[in-house]
Amino acid sequence: MEKVVKSVKQVGDFESQYGHFYKWLLEFEDGFKGEYLSKTETQDKFIEGQTASIEVTTREYNGTTINKIKPEEIACEVFKHLGVSAKVRNK
């Protein structure tokens, strides 16, 4: 799904069993909100004013539904044409 990014705010960082993460709160022009976790302190996947292709999953946390957002993975048409399975991360 494609949405226009309205705001991007870093709201902290934490250690997990998978390494160090930075938490970002995203809001889109249509009012949709969610969180994005990145491994870098200066993420470049979601830029205010730009359109982003996203995947959304939801989870429950302390009785609240949280929208987890990540950049959509798009199958590369060239590789599909050649019969090779590959995915590229949409920037």
C-alpha atoms as a PDB file:
ATOM      1  CA  MET A   1       0.000   0.000   0.000  1.00  0.00           C
ATOM      2  CA  GLU A   2       1.254   3.478  -0.786  1.00  0.00           C
ATOM      3  CA  LYS A   3       0.907   6.449   1.551  1.00  0.00           C
ATOM      4  CA  VAL A   4       2.332   9.967   1.778  1.00  0.00           C
ATOM      5  CA  VAL A   5       4.473  10.485   4.886  1.00  0.00           C
ATOM      6  CA  LYS A   6       3.294  13.419   7.005  1.00  0.00           C
ATOM      7  CA  SER A   7       5.642  13.153   9.995  1.00  0.00           C
ATOM      8  CA  VAL A   8       8.524  11.027  11.267  1.00  0.00           C
ATOM      9  CA  LYS A   9       9.611  11.213  14.918  1.00  0.00           C
ATOM     10  CA  GLN A  10      12.278   9.186  16.681  1.00  0.00           C
ATOM     11  CA  VAL A  11      10.984   8.230  20.128  1.00  0.00           C
ATOM     12  CA  GLY A  12      13.819   6.226  21.625  1.00  0.00           C
ATOM     13  CA  ASP A  13      15.995   3.189  21.260  1.00  0.00           C
ATOM     14  CA  PHE A  14      16.433  -0.174  22.977  1.00  0.00           C
ATOM     15  CA  GLU A  15      18.448  -3.387  23.047  1.00  0.00           C
ATOM     16  CA  SER A  16      16.834  -6.703  22.189  1.00  0.00           C
ATOM     17  CA  GLN A  17      18.033 -10.208  21.509  1.00  0.00           C
ATOM     18  CA  TYR A  18      18.305  -9.126  17.840  1.00  0.00           C
ATOM     19  CA  GLY A  19      20.510  -6.095  18.495  1.00  0.00           C
ATOM     20  CA  HIS A  20      20.070  -2.362  19.014  1.00  0.00           C
ATOM     21  CA  PHE A  21      16.932  -0.731  17.528  1.00  0.00           C
ATOM     22  CA  TYR A  22      15.643   2.802  17.100  1.00  0.00           C
ATOM     23  CA  LYS A  23      11.895   3.375  17.342  1.00  0.00           C
ATOM     24  CA  TRP A  24      10.134   5.839  15.035  1.00  0.00           C
ATOM     25  CA  LEU A  25       6.533   7.017  15.074  1.00  0.00           C
ATOM     26  CA  LEU A  26       5.141   7.588  11.585  1.00  0.00           C
ATOM     27  CA  GLU A  27       2.023   9.492  10.574  1.00  0.00           C
ATOM     28  CA  PHE A  28       0.673   9.601   7.043  1.00  0.00           C
ATOM     29  CA  GLU A  29      -1.413  12.234   5.219  1.00  0.00           C
ATOM     30  CA  ASP A  30      -4.577  10.091   5.565  1.00  0.00           C
ATOM     31  CA  GLY A  31      -4.201  10.032   9.377  1.00  0.00           C
ATOM     32  CA  PHE A  32      -2.856   6.463   9.572  1.00  0.00           C
ATOM     33  CA  LYS A  33      -0.221   6.057  12.309  1.00  0.00           C
ATOM     34  CA  GLY A  34       2.224   3.366  13.318  1.00  0.00           C
ATOM     35  CA  GLU A  35       5.700   2.531  14.493  1.00  0.00           C
ATOM     36  CA  TYR A  36       8.821   1.614  12.555  1.00  0.00           C
ATOM     37  CA  LEU A  37      11.949   0.006  13.994  1.00  0.00           C
ATOM     38  CA  SER A  38      15.314   0.608  12.352  1.00  0.00           C
ATOM     39  CA  LYS A  39      18.821  -0.607  13.075  1.00  0.00           C
ATOM     40  CA  THR A  40      20.266   2.825  12.265  1.00  0.00           C
ATOM     41  CA  GLU A  41      19.924   6.074  14.174  1.00  0.00           C
ATOM     42  CA  THR A  42      19.285   8.036  10.976  1.00  0.00           C
ATOM     43  CA  GLN A  43      16.729   6.037   9.006  1.00  0.00           C
ATOM     44  CA  ASP A  44      16.113   6.947   5.344  1.00  0.00           C
ATOM     45  CA  LYS A  45      13.126   4.750   4.470  1.00  0.00           C
ATOM     46  CA  PHE A  46      10.409   7.257   5.409  1.00  0.00           C
ATOM     47  CA  ILE A  47      10.844  10.907   4.389  1.00  0.00           C
ATOM     48  CA  GLU A  48       8.269  13.610   5.190  1.00  0.00           C
ATOM     49  CA  GLY A  49       6.343  14.630   2.073  1.00  0.00           C
ATOM     50  CA  GLN A  50       7.343  11.566   0.055  1.00  0.00           C
ATOM     51  CA  THR A  51       5.217   8.592  -0.953  1.00  0.00           C
ATOM     52  CA  ALA A  52       6.203   5.297   0.675  1.00  0.00           C
ATOM     53  CA  SER A  53       5.169   1.741  -0.145  1.00  0.00           C
ATOM     54  CA  ILE A  54       4.514   0.050   3.192  1.00  0.00           C
ATOM     55  CA  GLU A  55       3.560  -3.268   4.746  1.00  0.00           C
ATOM     56  CA  VAL A  56       1.530  -3.138   7.962  1.00  0.00           C
ATOM     57  CA  THR A  57       1.087  -5.755  10.651  1.00  0.00           C
ATOM     58  CA  THR A  58      -0.718  -5.224  13.931  1.00  0.00           C
ATOM     59  CA  ARG A  59      -0.007  -6.476  17.417  1.00  0.00           C
ATOM     60  CA  GLU A  60      -1.646  -6.105  20.795  1.00  0.00           C
ATOM     61  CA  TYR A  61       0.334  -4.597  23.656  1.00  0.00           C
ATOM     62  CA  ASN A  62      -1.247  -3.937  27.057  1.00  0.00           C
ATOM     63  CA  GLY A  63      -4.710  -3.798  25.481  1.00  0.00           C
ATOM     64  CA  THR A  64      -3.666  -1.389  22.726  1.00  0.00           C
ATOM     65  CA  THR A  65      -3.422  -2.239  19.030  1.00  0.00           C
ATOM     66  CA  ILE A  66      -0.119  -1.117  17.515  1.00  0.00           C
ATOM     67  CA  ASN A  67       0.441  -0.761  13.778  1.00  0.00           C
ATOM     68  CA  LYS A  68       3.922  -2.015  12.897  1.00  0.00           C
ATOM     69  CA  ILE A  69       5.139  -0.489   9.631  1.00  0.00           C
ATOM     70  CA  LYS A  70       7.992  -1.531   7.369  1.00  0.00           C
ATOM     71  CA  PRO A  71       9.002  -0.684   3.806  1.00  0.00           C
ATOM     72  CA  GLU A  72       7.280  -2.961   1.324  1.00  0.00           C
ATOM     73  CA  GLU A  73       9.399  -5.616  -0.356  1.00  0.00           C
ATOM     74  CA  ILE A  74       8.793  -5.619  -4.077  1.00  0.00           C
ATOM     75  CA  ALA A  75       9.667  -8.551  -6.291  1.00  0.00           C
ATOM     76  CA  CYS A  76      12.057  -7.377  -8.986  1.00  0.00           C
ATOM     77  CA  GLU A  77      10.316  -7.677 -12.365  1.00  0.00           C
ATOM     78  CA  VAL A  78      13.565  -8.381 -14.208  1.00  0.00           C
ATOM     79  CA  PHE A  79      14.363 -11.339 -11.983  1.00  0.00           C
ATOM     80  CA  LYS A  80      10.773 -12.601 -12.200  1.00  0.00           C
ATOM     81  CA  HIS A  81      11.002 -12.485 -15.989  1.00  0.00           C
ATOM     82  CA  LEU A  82      14.173 -14.572 -15.835  1.00  0.00           C
ATOM     83  CA  GLY A  83      12.576 -17.070 -13.466  1.00  0.00           C
ATOM     84  CA  VAL A  84      14.823 -16.086 -10.554  1.00  0.00           C
ATOM     85  CA  SER A  85      13.288 -15.559  -7.138  1.00  0.00           C
ATOM     86  CA  ALA A  86      14.468 -12.273  -5.645  1.00  0.00           C
ATOM     87  CA  LYS A  87      13.172  -9.405  -3.560  1.00  0.00           C
ATOM     88  CA  VAL A  88      14.480  -5.891  -3.229  1.00  0.00           C
ATOM     89  CA  ARG A  89      13.733  -3.486  -0.442  1.00  0.00           C
ATOM     90  CA  ASN A  90      11.821  -0.433  -1.673  1.00  0.00           C
ATOM     91  CA  LYS A  91      13.546   2.819  -0.653  1.00  0.00           C
END
